[in-house]
Amino acid sequence: MKWLKRFRLIVHTVWYFGLVNLLDGQLRHPLLRKLLSCLPESKETLEYSNAVRLRLALENLGPIFVKLGQVLSTRPDVVGPEYAFELAKLQDRVPAFDGGIAIAQIEKAFGKPIEQIYYAFEREPIASASIAQVHQAYLFNEEGSQGKKVAVKVLRPDIKPVIEQDLALMHWGAVWLEKLFRDGKRLKPREVVQEFDKYLHDELDLMHEAANASQLGRQFENSPMLIVPKVYFDFCSRTVMTMEWMDGTPISDVDTLMAKGIDLKKLARFGVEIFFTQVFKNGFFHADMHPGNIFVADDGRYIALDFGIVGTLDEYDKRYLAVNFLAFFNRDYHRVATAHIESGWVPADTRAEELEAAVRTVCEPIFNRPLSQISFGLILMRLFETSRRFNVEIQPQLVLLQKTLLNIEGLGRQLDPNLDLWATAKPFLVNWMNEQMGWKALKRNLEKEMPDWANILPSLPRRVNEVLMGLDSAQKNMQSQAVVNARKRQQCYQVCIVILLIILLIKLT
């Protein structure tokens, strides 16, 4: 019954906010379009644009749909630039739950009274969102008196059943969107919802967030650019997370930053460098870097908060992205086109010259201009128009990266409107690519494989002998002399490669 009640609310919300109009011209079947045109229209929200009505509808449906809207705001390829801009205004406006309930959650998690867990605990939360809220507290020191000040994040009670119910409806809706809409398959709504499902479940396990914070902190230990609060794992569980308290100025409070003498241009540059370090050096990045999660310490370093959503990239993804970034920076649009074809992002029969010309038309005007004069919304709109023209496959695994890059661009615009994003990032990428190629990279990879070589080398004479014996055996059993010769050449090549690698290894070490 709860499922049915929720479904009725969704249907009523779609009607009340006139979202049926959003479907106009998008449905595959003419009969469905005709049926929709016969439905009565709500007069309540006609004065608003379609994008505003969609935002209001998601706010009406509650925190889970608000989060979905936040994710969609990073996908102008799915919803269009106008909708992406409007959905970016969505914020978690969820009332805090009672501090007594939070204390009960903590006591249940650790099996003892709150007085034995924390030296002091503030019942009133300092922040509240759809998944959890944060309280201020103090740990015990070794003498049993007041110790370190900490932030305690407590999961909302009974939030999981609500999330599961809404996610089930979203999965069902995504299936039908894919069937009924013209661009349904290309835009991969099921994959988008699946990614959203994963992110939400990750946020429901605060041990997952604690581990993310710990890893990011280890990667940026003693960094001159970024501070990551320490996690106290003895006071963490699936429903409670305790970390170091951070004092700082919200990144959005530019006036206070200037009053404290913070170098805003340097701060903007730090943001770009932190992003590219996370993505290309670590392959592990904070994927929720909106202004609410970023503070600035008095020494001019960033403070990162809220680690529920992180992104990861494998070596193939990093190399592919670096090739594309550098190609853009060098205005090598032909390389951008061929990289997309090689990766399978566009059909194999796509003419590289046509894709190159389309990308050049969109990107050429943005270079050598300050950030304040670049309309990324317009650029994205034109790029996604191009993507539809060339049937570009949307890559769900890069959604978080796109979201993070847009957040960094927004922070840069706020701190230093004259920041040249491209000029700041290009030296970093060039150095990274140089590290991935050449003799240094080969030496590093060989050193990484050294333990395996230690096992292989003692048995190498026996293996070479087995290869040669196999050649003799194959030669006797094969009827075709041509096949025998081909296999012999192949095996000899393998032996030569092994010997060359051994010689190279000896020289490098």
Protein backbone atom coordinates (compact mmCIF):
# COMPACT_ATOMS: atom_id res chain seq x y z
CA MET A 1 0.00 0.00 0.00
CA LYS A 2 2.85 2.38 0.75
CA TRP A 3 4.22 1.75 -2.75
CA LEU A 4 0.82 2.51 -4.29
CA LYS A 5 0.45 5.68 -2.21
CA ARG A 6 3.89 6.88 -3.30
CA PHE A 7 3.08 6.11 -6.95
CA ARG A 8 -0.15 8.14 -6.70
CA LEU A 9 1.81 11.07 -5.26
CA ILE A 10 4.25 10.94 -8.19
CA VAL A 11 1.42 10.83 -10.75
CA HIS A 12 -0.36 13.76 -9.04
CA THR A 13 2.89 15.76 -8.93
CA VAL A 14 3.49 15.15 -12.64
CA TRP A 15 -0.02 16.43 -13.39
CA TYR A 16 -0.02 19.34 -10.92
CA PHE A 17 3.26 20.80 -12.22
CA GLY A 18 2.36 20.22 -15.85
CA LEU A 19 5.28 17.90 -16.55
CA VAL A 20 3.31 16.16 -19.30
CA ASN A 21 4.40 19.04 -21.52
CA LEU A 22 7.99 17.86 -21.16
CA LEU A 23 7.07 14.74 -23.07
CA ASP A 24 5.76 16.61 -26.08
CA GLY A 25 7.64 15.61 -29.20
CA GLN A 26 9.85 13.11 -27.34
CA LEU A 27 7.65 10.03 -27.45
CA ARG A 28 8.18 7.46 -30.20
CA HIS A 29 4.55 6.47 -30.75
CA PRO A 30 2.09 8.98 -32.28
CA LEU A 31 -0.83 7.34 -30.44
CA LEU A 32 0.74 8.06 -27.05
CA ARG A 33 1.38 11.67 -28.04
CA LYS A 34 -2.28 11.99 -29.02
CA LEU A 35 -3.50 10.49 -25.74
CA LEU A 36 -1.30 12.85 -23.71
CA SER A 37 -2.61 15.85 -25.59
CA CYS A 38 -6.14 14.90 -24.48
CA LEU A 39 -5.28 14.99 -20.76
CA PRO A 40 -6.51 18.03 -18.77
CA GLU A 41 -3.83 20.57 -17.84
CA SER A 42 -3.17 21.98 -14.39
CA LYS A 43 -3.50 25.77 -14.28
CA GLU A 44 -1.51 26.21 -11.08
CA THR A 45 2.00 26.51 -12.45
CA LEU A 46 1.53 27.66 -16.06
CA GLU A 47 3.38 30.92 -15.41
CA TYR A 48 6.64 29.02 -14.79
CA SER A 49 8.98 27.60 -17.42
CA ASN A 50 9.24 23.85 -17.92
CA ALA A 51 12.62 23.79 -16.18
CA VAL A 52 11.29 25.62 -13.10
CA ARG A 53 8.27 23.31 -12.93
CA LEU A 54 10.54 20.27 -13.00
CA ARG A 55 12.61 21.66 -10.13
CA LEU A 56 9.50 22.44 -8.08
CA ALA A 57 8.13 18.96 -8.73
CA LEU A 58 11.29 17.26 -7.50
CA GLU A 59 11.31 19.43 -4.37
CA ASN A 60 7.69 18.40 -3.75
CA LEU A 61 8.56 14.69 -4.06
CA GLY A 62 11.12 14.83 -1.28
CA PRO A 63 14.84 14.46 -0.53
CA ILE A 64 15.56 11.39 -2.68
CA PHE A 65 14.15 13.03 -5.79
CA VAL A 66 16.00 16.22 -4.86
CA LYS A 67 19.22 14.20 -4.93
CA LEU A 68 18.22 12.73 -8.30
CA GLY A 69 17.72 16.25 -9.60
CA GLN A 70 21.16 17.23 -8.29
CA VAL A 71 22.68 14.33 -10.23
CA LEU A 72 20.73 15.26 -13.38
CA SER A 73 21.99 18.84 -13.06
CA THR A 74 25.42 17.46 -13.94
CA ARG A 75 24.05 15.76 -17.07
CA PRO A 76 23.09 18.48 -19.57
CA ASP A 77 23.53 15.74 -22.17
CA VAL A 78 20.45 14.07 -20.70
CA VAL A 79 18.22 16.99 -19.68
CA GLY A 80 19.63 19.90 -21.70
CA PRO A 81 21.55 23.00 -20.49
CA GLU A 82 18.42 24.96 -19.46
CA TYR A 83 17.21 22.18 -17.18
CA ALA A 84 20.70 21.47 -15.87
CA PHE A 85 21.07 25.13 -14.86
CA GLU A 86 17.73 25.16 -13.04
CA LEU A 87 18.25 21.78 -11.32
CA ALA A 88 21.59 23.01 -10.00
CA LYS A 89 19.54 25.26 -7.66
CA LEU A 90 18.19 22.22 -5.81
CA GLN A 91 19.33 22.06 -2.19
CA ASP A 92 18.69 19.61 0.62
CA ARG A 93 16.12 21.51 2.70
CA VAL A 94 15.33 18.81 5.24
CA PRO A 95 14.38 19.62 8.84
CA ALA A 96 16.71 18.21 11.47
CA PHE A 97 15.50 15.26 13.51
CA ASP A 98 15.47 15.40 17.30
CA GLY A 99 18.82 15.25 19.09
CA GLY A 100 17.46 12.57 21.40
CA ILE A 101 16.93 10.29 18.40
CA ALA A 102 20.52 10.97 17.29
CA ILE A 103 21.79 10.04 20.76
CA ALA A 104 19.73 6.83 20.67
CA GLN A 105 21.30 5.99 17.27
CA ILE A 106 24.80 6.50 18.67
CA GLU A 107 24.12 4.46 21.83
CA LYS A 108 22.68 1.64 19.73
CA ALA A 109 25.72 1.65 17.44
CA PHE A 110 28.29 1.40 20.26
CA GLY A 111 26.26 -0.40 22.94
CA LYS A 112 26.85 2.08 25.77
CA PRO A 113 25.57 5.43 27.07
CA ILE A 114 26.51 8.62 25.25
CA GLU A 115 28.36 9.83 28.38
CA GLN A 116 30.81 6.95 28.02
CA ILE A 117 31.42 7.60 24.32
CA TYR A 118 31.95 11.37 24.21
CA TYR A 119 33.11 13.76 26.90
CA ALA A 120 30.44 16.20 25.69
CA PHE A 121 27.79 16.00 22.96
CA GLU A 122 25.66 18.86 21.60
CA ARG A 123 22.03 17.76 21.14
CA GLU A 124 21.32 20.51 18.61
CA PRO A 125 22.73 19.66 15.17
CA ILE A 126 24.91 22.15 13.32
CA ALA A 127 23.89 20.86 9.86
CA SER A 128 21.12 18.69 8.44
CA ALA A 129 20.68 16.99 5.06
CA SER A 130 18.52 14.27 3.51
CA ILE A 131 20.73 11.35 4.58
CA ALA A 132 22.29 12.46 7.88
CA GLN A 133 22.92 15.35 10.23
CA VAL A 134 26.02 16.57 12.06
CA HIS A 135 26.55 17.29 15.78
CA GLN A 136 29.44 18.89 17.64
CA ALA A 137 31.14 16.83 20.37
CA TYR A 138 34.35 16.34 22.37
CA LEU A 139 36.34 13.14 22.88
CA PHE A 140 37.94 12.05 26.15
CA ASN A 141 41.68 12.60 26.50
CA GLU A 142 44.03 10.13 28.21
CA GLU A 143 43.32 11.68 31.64
CA GLY A 144 39.59 11.31 31.15
CA SER A 145 38.91 15.04 30.75
CA GLN A 146 37.95 17.11 27.68
CA GLY A 147 39.88 16.07 24.59
CA LYS A 148 39.72 16.85 20.87
CA LYS A 149 36.77 18.62 19.33
CA VAL A 150 35.03 16.43 16.73
CA ALA A 151 32.13 16.41 14.27
CA VAL A 152 29.72 13.49 14.66
CA LYS A 153 27.65 12.52 11.62
CA VAL A 154 24.52 10.49 12.40
CA LEU A 155 22.43 8.68 9.79
CA ARG A 156 18.71 9.47 9.67
CA PRO A 157 16.70 6.69 11.31
CA ASP A 158 14.53 4.54 9.04
CA ILE A 159 15.82 6.29 5.91
CA LYS A 160 16.73 3.08 4.04
CA PRO A 161 13.14 1.77 3.41
CA VAL A 162 12.14 5.16 1.98
CA ILE A 163 15.15 5.16 -0.33
CA GLU A 164 14.53 1.58 -1.47
CA GLN A 165 10.92 2.41 -2.32
CA ASP A 166 11.80 5.48 -4.38
CA LEU A 167 14.67 3.71 -6.14
CA ALA A 168 12.36 0.87 -7.17
CA LEU A 169 10.03 3.40 -8.77
CA MET A 170 12.96 5.12 -10.51
CA HIS A 171 14.22 1.82 -11.95
CA TRP A 172 10.72 1.06 -13.23
CA GLY A 173 10.40 4.53 -14.76
CA ALA A 174 13.83 4.29 -16.43
CA VAL A 175 12.81 1.06 -18.21
CA TRP A 176 9.74 2.73 -19.69
CA LEU A 177 11.63 5.91 -20.59
CA GLU A 178 14.05 3.81 -22.59
CA LYS A 179 11.19 2.06 -24.39
CA LEU A 180 9.00 5.08 -25.11
CA PHE A 181 11.41 7.96 -25.76
CA ARG A 182 13.22 8.57 -29.05
CA ASP A 183 16.60 9.13 -27.38
CA GLY A 184 15.93 6.58 -24.62
CA LYS A 185 18.56 3.99 -25.51
CA ARG A 186 21.29 6.49 -26.35
CA LEU A 187 20.86 8.38 -23.06
CA LYS A 188 20.91 5.16 -21.01
CA PRO A 189 18.37 6.09 -18.30
CA ARG A 190 18.71 2.69 -16.62
CA GLU A 191 22.47 3.17 -16.27
CA VAL A 192 21.96 6.68 -14.88
CA VAL A 193 19.51 5.39 -12.25
CA GLN A 194 21.83 2.47 -11.47
CA GLU A 195 24.69 4.91 -10.83
CA PHE A 196 22.38 6.99 -8.64
CA ASP A 197 21.37 3.81 -6.78
CA LYS A 198 25.02 3.00 -6.09
CA TYR A 199 25.82 6.49 -4.82
CA LEU A 200 22.84 6.50 -2.46
CA HIS A 201 23.70 3.12 -0.97
CA ASP A 202 27.29 4.22 -0.51
CA GLU A 203 26.02 7.24 1.45
CA LEU A 204 23.91 4.96 3.65
CA ASP A 205 27.06 3.28 4.99
CA LEU A 206 29.05 5.84 6.96
CA MET A 207 31.97 3.40 7.28
CA HIS A 208 32.26 3.72 3.51
CA GLU A 209 32.49 7.50 3.84
CA ALA A 210 35.00 7.18 6.68
CA ALA A 211 37.22 4.95 4.53
CA ASN A 212 36.98 7.43 1.65
CA ALA A 213 38.03 10.29 3.92
CA SER A 214 40.92 8.27 5.30
CA GLN A 215 42.26 7.40 1.84
CA LEU A 216 41.96 10.96 0.55
CA GLY A 217 43.67 12.23 3.70
CA ARG A 218 46.54 9.78 3.19
CA GLN A 219 46.98 10.91 -0.42
CA PHE A 220 47.11 14.59 0.60
CA GLU A 221 49.05 14.20 3.85
CA ASN A 222 51.10 17.36 4.57
CA SER A 223 49.73 18.93 1.38
CA PRO A 224 50.21 22.72 0.99
CA MET A 225 46.87 22.88 -0.84
CA LEU A 226 44.31 20.65 0.91
CA ILE A 227 43.37 19.58 4.45
CA VAL A 228 41.33 16.42 4.99
CA PRO A 229 39.97 15.92 8.55
CA LYS A 230 41.23 12.91 10.48
CA VAL A 231 38.78 10.05 10.97
CA TYR A 232 38.46 8.43 14.41
CA PHE A 233 37.57 4.86 13.46
CA ASP A 234 37.05 3.80 17.08
CA PHE A 235 34.00 6.05 17.04
CA CYS A 236 32.65 5.06 13.63
CA SER A 237 30.00 2.56 12.56
CA ARG A 238 27.60 2.09 9.63
CA THR A 239 25.29 4.74 11.18
CA VAL A 240 27.79 7.04 12.96
CA MET A 241 31.01 8.71 11.81
CA THR A 242 33.35 10.79 13.95
CA MET A 243 36.03 13.00 12.46
CA GLU A 244 38.26 15.89 13.36
CA TRP A 245 36.52 19.25 13.78
CA MET A 246 37.51 21.77 11.12
CA ASP A 247 37.37 25.54 11.59
CA GLY A 248 37.33 27.51 8.39
CA THR A 249 35.54 29.99 6.18
CA PRO A 250 32.95 28.77 3.63
CA ILE A 251 34.36 29.01 0.13
CA SER A 252 31.30 31.03 -0.88
CA ASP A 253 32.05 33.78 1.67
CA VAL A 254 34.46 35.70 -0.56
CA ASP A 255 34.26 38.92 1.45
CA THR A 256 35.45 37.19 4.64
CA LEU A 257 38.24 35.43 2.73
CA MET A 258 39.48 38.76 1.39
CA ALA A 259 39.26 40.33 4.86
CA LYS A 260 41.48 37.52 6.20
CA GLY A 261 44.07 38.22 3.50
CA ILE A 262 43.54 34.97 1.58
CA ASP A 263 45.06 35.05 -1.92
CA LEU A 264 41.98 34.24 -4.02
CA LYS A 265 43.92 33.81 -7.27
CA LYS A 266 46.24 31.32 -5.60
CA LEU A 267 43.23 29.56 -4.08
CA ALA A 268 41.57 29.25 -7.50
CA ARG A 269 44.78 27.80 -8.94
CA PHE A 270 44.97 25.33 -6.04
CA GLY A 271 41.47 24.09 -6.88
CA VAL A 272 42.48 23.20 -10.43
CA GLU A 273 45.70 21.50 -9.29
CA ILE A 274 43.87 19.50 -6.59
CA PHE A 275 41.36 18.27 -9.15
CA PHE A 276 43.95 17.09 -11.64
CA THR A 277 46.09 15.54 -8.89
CA GLN A 278 43.12 13.53 -7.66
CA VAL A 279 42.08 12.42 -11.13
CA PHE A 280 45.35 11.67 -12.89
CA LYS A 281 47.84 10.96 -10.13
CA ASN A 282 45.58 9.15 -7.66
CA GLY A 283 42.65 7.99 -9.80
CA PHE A 284 40.53 8.70 -6.71
CA PHE A 285 38.67 11.98 -6.36
CA HIS A 286 36.18 13.82 -4.16
CA ALA A 287 33.08 13.91 -6.35
CA ASP A 288 30.84 16.22 -4.33
CA MET A 289 32.88 19.44 -4.30
CA HIS A 290 30.05 21.93 -4.23
CA PRO A 291 30.54 25.12 -2.15
CA GLY A 292 28.72 23.66 0.86
CA ASN A 293 31.40 20.98 1.25
CA ILE A 294 34.44 23.23 0.83
CA PHE A 295 35.92 25.53 3.50
CA VAL A 296 39.15 27.53 3.57
CA ALA A 297 41.60 27.44 6.50
CA ASP A 298 43.21 30.64 7.74
CA ASP A 299 46.52 29.51 6.18
CA GLY A 300 44.95 29.54 2.71
CA ARG A 301 44.42 25.79 2.25
CA TYR A 302 41.21 24.13 1.20
CA ILE A 303 39.28 22.02 3.73
CA ALA A 304 37.31 19.14 2.19
CA LEU A 305 34.16 17.80 3.89
CA ASP A 306 31.50 15.14 3.16
CA PHE A 307 33.15 12.14 1.49
CA GLY A 308 30.06 10.07 0.77
CA ILE A 309 30.57 10.31 -2.99
CA VAL A 310 33.97 9.66 -4.56
CA GLY A 311 34.98 8.65 -8.06
CA THR A 312 37.62 6.23 -9.29
CA LEU A 313 39.35 5.89 -12.63
CA ASP A 314 41.46 3.01 -13.93
CA GLU A 315 44.65 3.46 -15.94
CA TYR A 316 42.82 3.21 -19.27
CA ASP A 317 40.34 5.94 -18.26
CA LYS A 318 43.13 8.22 -17.02
CA ARG A 319 45.20 7.82 -20.18
CA TYR A 320 42.20 8.31 -22.44
CA LEU A 321 41.15 11.47 -20.58
CA ALA A 322 44.68 12.85 -20.61
CA VAL A 323 44.94 12.31 -24.38
CA ASN A 324 41.67 14.16 -24.90
CA PHE A 325 42.53 17.02 -22.53
CA LEU A 326 45.92 17.56 -24.14
CA ALA A 327 44.44 17.36 -27.60
CA PHE A 328 41.95 20.08 -26.62
CA PHE A 329 44.68 22.22 -25.09
CA ASN A 330 46.79 21.87 -28.24
CA ARG A 331 43.74 22.44 -30.44
CA ASP A 332 44.38 19.08 -32.07
CA TYR A 333 40.75 18.40 -32.89
CA HIS A 334 41.63 15.56 -35.24
CA ARG A 335 43.17 13.69 -32.29
CA VAL A 336 40.02 14.36 -30.26
CA ALA A 337 37.92 12.86 -33.05
CA THR A 338 40.11 9.77 -33.53
CA ALA A 339 40.29 9.20 -29.75
CA HIS A 340 36.50 9.12 -29.59
CA ILE A 341 36.34 6.65 -32.49
CA GLU A 342 39.10 4.43 -31.05
CA SER A 343 37.36 4.30 -27.66
CA GLY A 344 34.05 3.25 -29.17
CA TRP A 345 32.26 6.37 -27.97
CA VAL A 346 31.04 6.99 -31.51
CA PRO A 347 30.20 4.45 -34.25
CA ALA A 348 33.25 2.96 -35.96
CA ASP A 349 32.10 4.18 -39.39
CA THR A 350 32.10 7.84 -38.25
CA ARG A 351 34.26 10.04 -40.50
CA ALA A 352 36.97 11.54 -38.31
CA GLU A 353 37.11 14.68 -40.46
CA GLU A 354 33.42 15.45 -39.91
CA LEU A 355 33.67 14.97 -36.13
CA GLU A 356 36.86 17.04 -36.09
CA ALA A 357 35.13 19.94 -37.86
CA ALA A 358 32.18 19.82 -35.43
CA VAL A 359 34.43 19.83 -32.34
CA ARG A 360 36.54 22.66 -33.78
CA THR A 361 33.45 24.78 -34.32
CA VAL A 362 32.43 24.41 -30.68
CA CYS A 363 35.81 24.64 -28.93
CA GLU A 364 37.95 27.02 -30.94
CA PRO A 365 36.30 30.21 -29.58
CA ILE A 366 37.03 29.39 -25.91
CA PHE A 367 40.80 29.46 -25.92
CA ASN A 368 42.96 32.36 -24.74
CA ARG A 369 40.03 33.91 -22.94
CA PRO A 370 39.57 34.47 -19.20
CA LEU A 371 37.05 32.30 -17.39
CA SER A 372 34.68 35.24 -16.94
CA GLN A 373 34.23 35.47 -20.69
CA ILE A 374 33.58 31.78 -21.28
CA SER A 375 30.01 30.52 -21.27
CA PHE A 376 30.40 26.87 -20.37
CA GLY A 377 26.63 26.45 -20.53
CA LEU A 378 26.62 27.47 -24.19
CA ILE A 379 29.66 25.32 -24.94
CA LEU A 380 28.08 22.28 -23.28
CA MET A 381 24.81 22.85 -25.14
CA ARG A 382 26.57 22.93 -28.49
CA LEU A 383 28.77 19.95 -27.62
CA PHE A 384 25.74 17.89 -26.69
CA GLU A 385 23.95 18.93 -29.83
CA THR A 386 27.00 17.63 -31.66
CA SER A 387 26.90 14.42 -29.61
CA ARG A 388 23.33 13.73 -30.73
CA ARG A 389 24.29 14.35 -34.33
CA PHE A 390 27.12 11.82 -34.17
CA ASN A 391 25.31 9.33 -31.86
CA VAL A 392 27.91 9.70 -29.11
CA GLU A 393 27.47 7.05 -26.43
CA ILE A 394 27.03 8.59 -22.97
CA GLN A 395 29.58 7.10 -20.55
CA PRO A 396 27.98 6.61 -17.08
CA GLN A 397 31.35 5.93 -15.42
CA LEU A 398 32.43 9.50 -16.19
CA VAL A 399 29.35 11.23 -14.78
CA LEU A 400 31.07 11.99 -11.48
CA LEU A 401 34.13 13.34 -13.25
CA GLN A 402 32.01 15.70 -15.30
CA LYS A 403 30.16 16.83 -12.18
CA THR A 404 33.42 17.50 -10.33
CA LEU A 405 34.94 19.42 -13.23
CA LEU A 406 31.87 21.66 -13.40
CA ASN A 407 32.12 22.27 -9.65
CA ILE A 408 35.77 23.24 -10.01
CA GLU A 409 34.90 25.60 -12.85
CA GLY A 410 32.24 27.22 -10.67
CA LEU A 411 34.65 27.66 -7.76
CA GLY A 412 37.28 29.13 -10.09
CA ARG A 413 34.79 31.61 -11.51
CA GLN A 414 33.82 32.68 -8.00
CA LEU A 415 37.36 33.17 -6.71
CA ASP A 416 39.15 34.48 -9.78
CA PRO A 417 37.06 35.42 -12.82
CA ASN A 418 40.26 35.85 -14.83
CA LEU A 419 41.56 32.35 -14.12
CA ASP A 420 42.79 30.63 -17.28
CA LEU A 421 41.66 27.07 -16.55
CA TRP A 422 43.46 25.67 -19.56
CA ALA A 423 46.80 27.35 -18.91
CA THR A 424 46.72 26.16 -15.29
CA ALA A 425 45.94 22.55 -16.16
CA LYS A 426 48.10 22.01 -19.26
CA PRO A 427 51.56 21.86 -17.52
CA PHE A 428 50.19 19.32 -15.04
CA LEU A 429 48.89 17.08 -17.81
CA VAL A 430 52.07 17.35 -19.87
CA ASN A 431 54.17 16.28 -16.87
CA TRP A 432 51.79 13.43 -16.14
CA MET A 433 51.94 12.14 -19.71
CA ASN A 434 55.73 12.36 -19.67
CA GLU A 435 55.75 10.26 -16.51
CA GLN A 436 53.59 7.62 -18.19
CA MET A 437 55.91 7.23 -21.18
CA GLY A 438 59.61 6.82 -21.80
CA TRP A 439 62.38 5.05 -19.89
CA LYS A 440 61.33 6.30 -16.46
CA ALA A 441 57.87 4.84 -16.86
CA LEU A 442 59.32 1.56 -18.15
CA LYS A 443 61.69 1.35 -15.19
CA ARG A 444 58.86 2.06 -12.74
CA ASN A 445 56.67 -0.63 -14.28
CA LEU A 446 59.51 -3.15 -14.25
CA GLU A 447 60.18 -2.42 -10.58
CA LYS A 448 56.48 -2.97 -9.88
CA GLU A 449 56.63 -6.35 -11.59
CA MET A 450 59.91 -7.34 -9.88
CA PRO A 451 58.28 -9.81 -7.41
CA ASP A 452 56.77 -11.75 -10.30
CA TRP A 453 60.08 -11.72 -12.18
CA ALA A 454 61.81 -13.18 -9.13
CA ASN A 455 59.63 -16.26 -9.51
CA ILE A 456 59.90 -16.44 -13.29
CA LEU A 457 63.66 -15.99 -13.77
CA PRO A 458 64.85 -19.22 -11.99
CA SER A 459 62.53 -21.29 -14.17
CA LEU A 460 63.36 -19.45 -17.39
CA PRO A 461 65.89 -22.02 -18.80
CA ARG A 462 63.36 -24.82 -18.31
CA ARG A 463 60.61 -22.76 -19.96
CA VAL A 464 62.83 -21.90 -22.93
CA ASN A 465 63.70 -25.59 -23.30
CA GLU A 466 59.98 -26.45 -23.22
CA VAL A 467 59.34 -23.92 -25.96
CA LEU A 468 62.09 -25.40 -28.13
CA MET A 469 60.91 -28.95 -27.48
CA GLY A 470 57.41 -27.88 -28.37
CA LEU A 471 58.72 -26.59 -31.67
CA ASP A 472 60.24 -29.96 -32.46
CA SER A 473 57.07 -31.77 -31.48
CA ALA A 474 54.89 -29.45 -33.50
CA GLN A 475 57.16 -29.81 -36.48
CA LYS A 476 56.73 -33.58 -36.43
CA ASN A 477 52.98 -33.54 -36.04
CA MET A 478 52.06 -30.72 -38.42
CA GLN A 479 51.17 -31.63 -41.98
CA SER A 480 51.63 -28.18 -43.36
CA GLN A 481 55.22 -26.93 -43.41
CA ALA A 482 54.00 -23.34 -43.75
CA VAL A 483 52.06 -23.55 -40.48
CA VAL A 484 55.11 -25.10 -38.78
CA ASN A 485 57.31 -22.21 -39.88
CA ALA A 486 54.79 -19.60 -38.72
CA ARG A 487 54.50 -21.15 -35.29
CA LYS A 488 58.28 -21.49 -35.06
CA ARG A 489 58.76 -17.80 -35.82
CA GLN A 490 56.14 -16.86 -33.22
CA GLN A 491 57.79 -18.94 -30.52
CA CYS A 492 61.24 -17.59 -31.36
CA TYR A 493 59.93 -14.05 -31.11
CA GLN A 494 58.60 -14.82 -27.63
CA VAL A 495 61.98 -16.19 -26.52
CA CYS A 496 63.76 -13.10 -27.90
CA ILE A 497 61.37 -10.75 -26.10
CA VAL A 498 61.96 -12.55 -22.81
CA ILE A 499 65.74 -12.37 -23.23
CA LEU A 500 65.61 -8.64 -24.14
CA LEU A 501 63.49 -7.89 -21.08
CA ILE A 502 66.00 -9.70 -18.86
CA ILE A 503 68.89 -7.67 -20.31
CA LEU A 504 66.94 -4.43 -19.89
CA LEU A 505 66.05 -5.30 -16.32
CA ILE A 506 69.68 -5.99 -15.45
CA LYS A 507 70.80 -2.67 -16.94
CA LEU A 508 68.13 -0.64 -15.15
CA THR A 509 68.86 -2.21 -11.77
